[in-house]
Amino acid sequence: MCAIHQPNLFPRLSTLAKLFAADRWIVLDDVQFARRDYQHRARLAALDDPGRQQWLTLPTHLPHGRATRISQARLVDPRRSRRTVELLVRQYYGHSRYWDAAREVLDAVLCMLDTTDRVANLTKASTIALLAALGWSGEVLLSSEIPTRQGRSERLADLAAATSSTHYLCGTGGLRYLDADPFDARSIPVLPFRTPVNADDPLWQWARRTSSLWALSKIGPEVLANRLAVQREARFLVARA
């Protein structure tokens, strides 16, 4: 089962849950960079009041303007970005009882900031570190290294087929535009992935708005992994049906 998604900075829980449910994450790094998306920014939520939020943004240079691909985007000022990331993440989550887990995720990004100005490398590292904190042991591949056709849905179907994936896990955003025909032609079922809608459960109430760092720092890696495992098992049951 594969998930295909752009690299996001400290991704939202809804995104992390989809990747956690998959056996492999194909990093969609060869599509156009979108400034209004989560590719270079994340919403940090206050530990005890998730409604109080602040954007953590990495100022980004697009060498080819709007046509710049995600893999081509560069940090404007890596040193300043490093200071901002460390300051804000510590400010929001440094007093959590699960700070050790959050700090490992932070350290992975800070280490990457010391060696590269490629935004995609940093955001991919933040996601992999979060998945690792939850015990995910899947495979990570880059779409830029896999030949595909140009059509949006055709590209996704080709990526799934080229990686021998038997199912494609599709989030709510992708479902709005996805054409299932290219997947049907390759006998690859498309499985919708939706996080629970529960206003009484803060974990899912804020899943589509706030960085996963909030959930990790609020309930800890073990409990969070168990909660995400429930969603993963639900997708496996659908796949086996």
Protein backbone atom coordinates (compact mmCIF):
# COMPACT_ATOMS: atom_id res chain seq x y z
CA MET A 1 0.00 0.00 0.00
CA CYS A 2 1.50 3.34 -1.03
CA ALA A 3 0.81 6.97 -0.20
CA ILE A 4 2.00 9.75 -2.50
CA HIS A 5 2.37 13.18 -0.95
CA GLN A 6 4.47 16.33 -1.17
CA PRO A 7 7.10 16.80 1.53
CA ASN A 8 5.60 19.02 4.25
CA LEU A 9 7.30 20.81 7.14
CA PHE A 10 6.32 19.02 10.38
CA PRO A 11 3.18 17.75 8.60
CA ARG A 12 -0.35 17.92 9.93
CA LEU A 13 -1.65 14.89 11.76
CA SER A 14 -4.07 14.07 8.94
CA THR A 15 -1.12 13.81 6.55
CA LEU A 16 1.07 11.89 8.99
CA ALA A 17 -1.76 9.44 9.69
CA LYS A 18 -2.08 8.67 5.97
CA LEU A 19 1.66 8.07 5.59
CA PHE A 20 1.72 5.95 8.76
CA ALA A 21 -1.04 3.77 7.30
CA ALA A 22 0.98 3.10 4.14
CA ASP A 23 3.80 0.64 3.53
CA ARG A 24 5.69 3.17 1.44
CA TRP A 25 5.69 6.91 1.02
CA ILE A 26 6.48 8.21 -2.43
CA VAL A 27 7.66 11.78 -1.90
CA LEU A 28 6.08 13.91 -4.62
CA ASP A 29 9.02 16.27 -5.09
CA ASP A 30 8.82 16.98 -8.82
CA VAL A 31 5.60 19.03 -8.90
CA GLN A 32 5.20 22.79 -8.70
CA PHE A 33 5.97 24.45 -5.38
CA ALA A 34 2.92 26.08 -3.79
CA ARG A 35 3.49 28.96 -1.38
CA ARG A 36 0.01 28.68 0.12
CA ASP A 37 0.45 25.01 0.97
CA TYR A 38 2.38 23.29 3.78
CA GLN A 39 5.57 22.61 1.85
CA HIS A 40 7.60 25.25 3.71
CA ARG A 41 5.44 26.04 6.74
CA ALA A 42 3.55 24.46 9.62
CA ARG A 43 0.96 25.57 12.17
CA LEU A 44 2.25 25.12 15.69
CA ALA A 45 -0.50 24.77 18.30
CA ALA A 46 -0.10 25.63 21.96
CA LEU A 47 0.24 22.52 24.08
CA ASP A 48 -2.72 23.27 26.37
CA ASP A 49 -4.77 25.32 23.92
CA PRO A 50 -4.60 24.01 20.34
CA GLY A 51 -6.82 26.87 19.22
CA ARG A 52 -3.89 29.22 19.84
CA GLN A 53 -1.67 28.74 16.82
CA GLN A 54 1.30 30.32 15.06
CA TRP A 55 2.78 29.77 11.63
CA LEU A 56 6.34 28.49 11.46
CA THR A 57 7.50 29.52 8.00
CA LEU A 58 10.78 28.96 6.18
CA PRO A 59 11.38 31.94 3.84
CA THR A 60 11.84 30.29 0.46
CA HIS A 61 13.44 31.35 -2.83
CA LEU A 62 11.95 29.98 -6.04
CA PRO A 63 14.73 30.17 -8.68
CA HIS A 64 12.30 29.60 -11.55
CA GLY A 65 9.41 31.64 -10.23
CA ARG A 66 6.01 29.97 -10.10
CA ALA A 67 7.32 27.14 -12.30
CA THR A 68 9.83 26.09 -9.62
CA ARG A 69 9.49 22.47 -8.59
CA ILE A 70 9.49 21.45 -4.95
CA SER A 71 12.92 19.86 -5.30
CA GLN A 72 14.33 23.16 -6.64
CA ALA A 73 13.13 25.48 -3.85
CA ARG A 74 15.88 26.95 -1.65
CA LEU A 75 15.96 28.61 1.75
CA VAL A 76 16.52 32.36 1.63
CA ASP A 77 18.57 32.38 4.86
CA PRO A 78 19.41 28.92 6.27
CA ARG A 79 20.99 30.26 9.47
CA ARG A 80 18.00 32.42 10.29
CA SER A 81 15.63 29.56 9.49
CA ARG A 82 17.58 27.32 11.84
CA ARG A 83 17.26 29.81 14.69
CA THR A 84 13.55 30.29 14.05
CA VAL A 85 12.78 26.57 13.92
CA GLU A 86 14.68 25.82 17.11
CA LEU A 87 13.23 28.80 18.99
CA LEU A 88 9.58 28.23 18.11
CA VAL A 89 9.54 24.45 18.52
CA ARG A 90 11.22 24.75 21.94
CA GLN A 91 8.90 27.59 22.91
CA TYR A 92 5.77 25.59 22.10
CA TYR A 93 6.79 22.10 23.20
CA GLY A 94 9.91 22.35 25.35
CA HIS A 95 7.86 22.00 28.55
CA SER A 96 6.04 18.86 27.39
CA ARG A 97 6.57 15.67 29.36
CA TYR A 98 7.29 14.09 25.97
CA TRP A 99 9.86 16.67 24.97
CA ASP A 100 12.55 14.02 24.42
CA ALA A 101 10.56 12.60 21.50
CA ALA A 102 9.81 16.02 20.04
CA ARG A 103 13.43 17.06 20.48
CA GLU A 104 14.63 14.11 18.40
CA VAL A 105 12.38 15.27 15.58
CA LEU A 106 13.65 18.82 15.98
CA ASP A 107 17.27 17.69 16.06
CA ALA A 108 16.84 15.79 12.79
CA VAL A 109 15.70 19.00 11.10
CA LEU A 110 18.38 21.16 12.71
CA CYS A 111 21.03 18.70 11.59
CA MET A 112 19.71 18.89 8.03
CA LEU A 113 19.67 22.69 8.22
CA ASP A 114 23.40 22.57 8.92
CA THR A 115 24.07 20.77 5.65
CA THR A 116 21.58 21.93 3.00
CA ASP A 117 19.43 24.83 1.85
CA ARG A 118 17.05 22.59 -0.10
CA VAL A 119 13.58 23.01 1.37
CA ALA A 120 12.44 19.56 0.24
CA ASN A 121 15.33 17.88 2.07
CA LEU A 122 14.36 19.62 5.31
CA THR A 123 10.66 18.97 5.08
CA LYS A 124 11.17 15.35 4.09
CA ALA A 125 13.50 14.95 7.08
CA SER A 126 10.89 16.40 9.43
CA THR A 127 8.29 13.90 8.23
CA ILE A 128 10.61 10.90 8.36
CA ALA A 129 11.66 11.87 11.89
CA LEU A 130 8.02 12.04 13.01
CA LEU A 131 7.27 8.66 11.43
CA ALA A 132 10.37 7.16 13.05
CA ALA A 133 9.30 8.48 16.46
CA LEU A 134 6.11 6.44 16.04
CA GLY A 135 7.93 3.27 15.01
CA TRP A 136 7.02 3.35 11.31
CA SER A 137 9.41 1.22 9.29
CA GLY A 138 8.12 1.72 5.77
CA GLU A 139 9.94 2.64 2.58
CA VAL A 140 10.56 6.19 1.32
CA LEU A 141 11.04 6.87 -2.40
CA LEU A 142 11.29 10.01 -4.55
CA SER A 143 8.90 10.59 -7.42
CA SER A 144 11.62 12.54 -9.28
CA GLU A 145 13.56 9.30 -9.67
CA ILE A 146 10.66 7.37 -11.23
CA PRO A 147 9.65 7.89 -14.91
CA THR A 148 5.94 8.68 -15.32
CA ARG A 149 3.44 10.18 -17.73
CA GLN A 150 2.47 13.86 -17.45
CA GLY A 151 -1.22 13.67 -16.52
CA ARG A 152 -1.97 14.26 -12.84
CA SER A 153 -3.78 10.98 -12.21
CA GLU A 154 -1.66 9.11 -14.77
CA ARG A 155 1.47 10.18 -12.90
CA LEU A 156 0.15 8.88 -9.60
CA ALA A 157 -0.95 5.59 -11.13
CA ASP A 158 2.46 5.16 -12.79
CA LEU A 159 4.22 5.82 -9.48
CA ALA A 160 2.12 3.22 -7.71
CA ALA A 161 2.68 0.66 -10.47
CA ALA A 162 6.41 1.31 -10.76
CA THR A 163 6.87 0.62 -7.05
CA SER A 164 4.84 -2.63 -7.19
CA SER A 165 2.21 -1.16 -4.91
CA THR A 166 -1.02 -3.12 -4.81
CA HIS A 167 -3.18 -0.28 -3.43
CA TYR A 168 -3.09 3.51 -3.53
CA LEU A 169 -4.03 5.33 -0.33
CA CYS A 170 -5.64 8.64 -1.26
CA GLY A 171 -6.43 11.50 1.10
CA THR A 172 -9.46 13.77 0.96
CA GLY A 173 -7.64 16.43 -1.07
CA GLY A 174 -6.63 13.99 -3.79
CA LEU A 175 -10.07 12.46 -3.97
CA ARG A 176 -11.48 15.77 -5.23
CA TYR A 177 -9.55 15.59 -8.49
CA LEU A 178 -8.43 11.97 -8.89
CA ASP A 179 -9.43 10.07 -12.01
CA ALA A 180 -9.56 6.39 -11.07
CA ASP A 181 -9.35 5.14 -14.66
CA PRO A 182 -5.51 5.04 -14.85
CA PHE A 183 -5.50 3.03 -11.61
CA ASP A 184 -8.21 0.70 -12.85
CA ALA A 185 -6.17 0.11 -16.00
CA ARG A 186 -3.33 -1.15 -13.81
CA SER A 187 -5.62 -3.06 -11.40
CA ILE A 188 -4.60 -0.88 -8.48
CA PRO A 189 -7.53 -0.09 -6.17
CA VAL A 190 -7.78 3.44 -4.78
CA LEU A 191 -8.49 3.42 -1.05
CA PRO A 192 -9.87 6.67 0.43
CA PHE A 193 -8.17 7.76 3.63
CA ARG A 194 -10.11 10.01 5.98
CA THR A 195 -9.28 10.85 9.57
CA PRO A 196 -12.17 10.58 12.04
CA VAL A 197 -14.50 13.57 12.40
CA ASN A 198 -14.99 13.92 16.13
CA ALA A 199 -15.42 17.35 17.67
CA ASP A 200 -15.12 15.81 21.15
CA ASP A 201 -11.68 14.35 20.45
CA PRO A 202 -9.06 17.11 20.24
CA LEU A 203 -6.63 14.76 18.49
CA TRP A 204 -8.81 14.56 15.39
CA GLN A 205 -10.54 17.90 15.85
CA TRP A 206 -7.25 19.65 15.04
CA ALA A 207 -5.75 16.96 12.77
CA ARG A 208 -6.22 18.91 9.54
CA ARG A 209 -4.98 22.25 10.89
CA THR A 210 -2.03 21.76 13.22
CA SER A 211 1.39 20.18 12.99
CA SER A 212 1.80 16.63 14.28
CA LEU A 213 4.30 18.05 16.76
CA TRP A 214 1.33 19.12 18.87
CA ALA A 215 -0.13 15.59 19.06
CA LEU A 216 3.29 14.04 19.68
CA SER A 217 4.00 16.47 22.51
CA LYS A 218 0.49 16.23 23.96
CA ILE A 219 -0.01 12.46 24.24
CA GLY A 220 3.44 11.03 23.51
CA PRO A 221 4.78 8.73 20.79
CA GLU A 222 3.44 5.45 22.19
CA VAL A 223 -0.17 6.56 22.57
CA LEU A 224 -0.10 8.45 19.28
CA ALA A 225 1.29 5.42 17.45
CA ASN A 226 -1.50 3.29 18.89
CA ARG A 227 -4.12 5.80 17.78
CA LEU A 228 -2.72 5.90 14.26
CA ALA A 229 -2.42 2.11 14.16
CA VAL A 230 -6.21 1.89 14.57
CA GLN A 231 -6.62 3.94 11.39
CA ARG A 232 -4.02 1.83 9.60
CA GLU A 233 -5.76 -1.42 10.49
CA ALA A 234 -9.04 -0.01 9.21
CA ARG A 235 -7.44 0.60 5.82
CA PHE A 236 -5.97 -2.93 5.75
CA LEU A 237 -9.40 -4.40 6.42
CA VAL A 238 -10.81 -2.44 3.51
CA ALA A 239 -7.93 -3.55 1.28
CA ARG A 240 -8.49 -7.19 2.14
CA ALA A 241 -12.25 -7.05 1.60
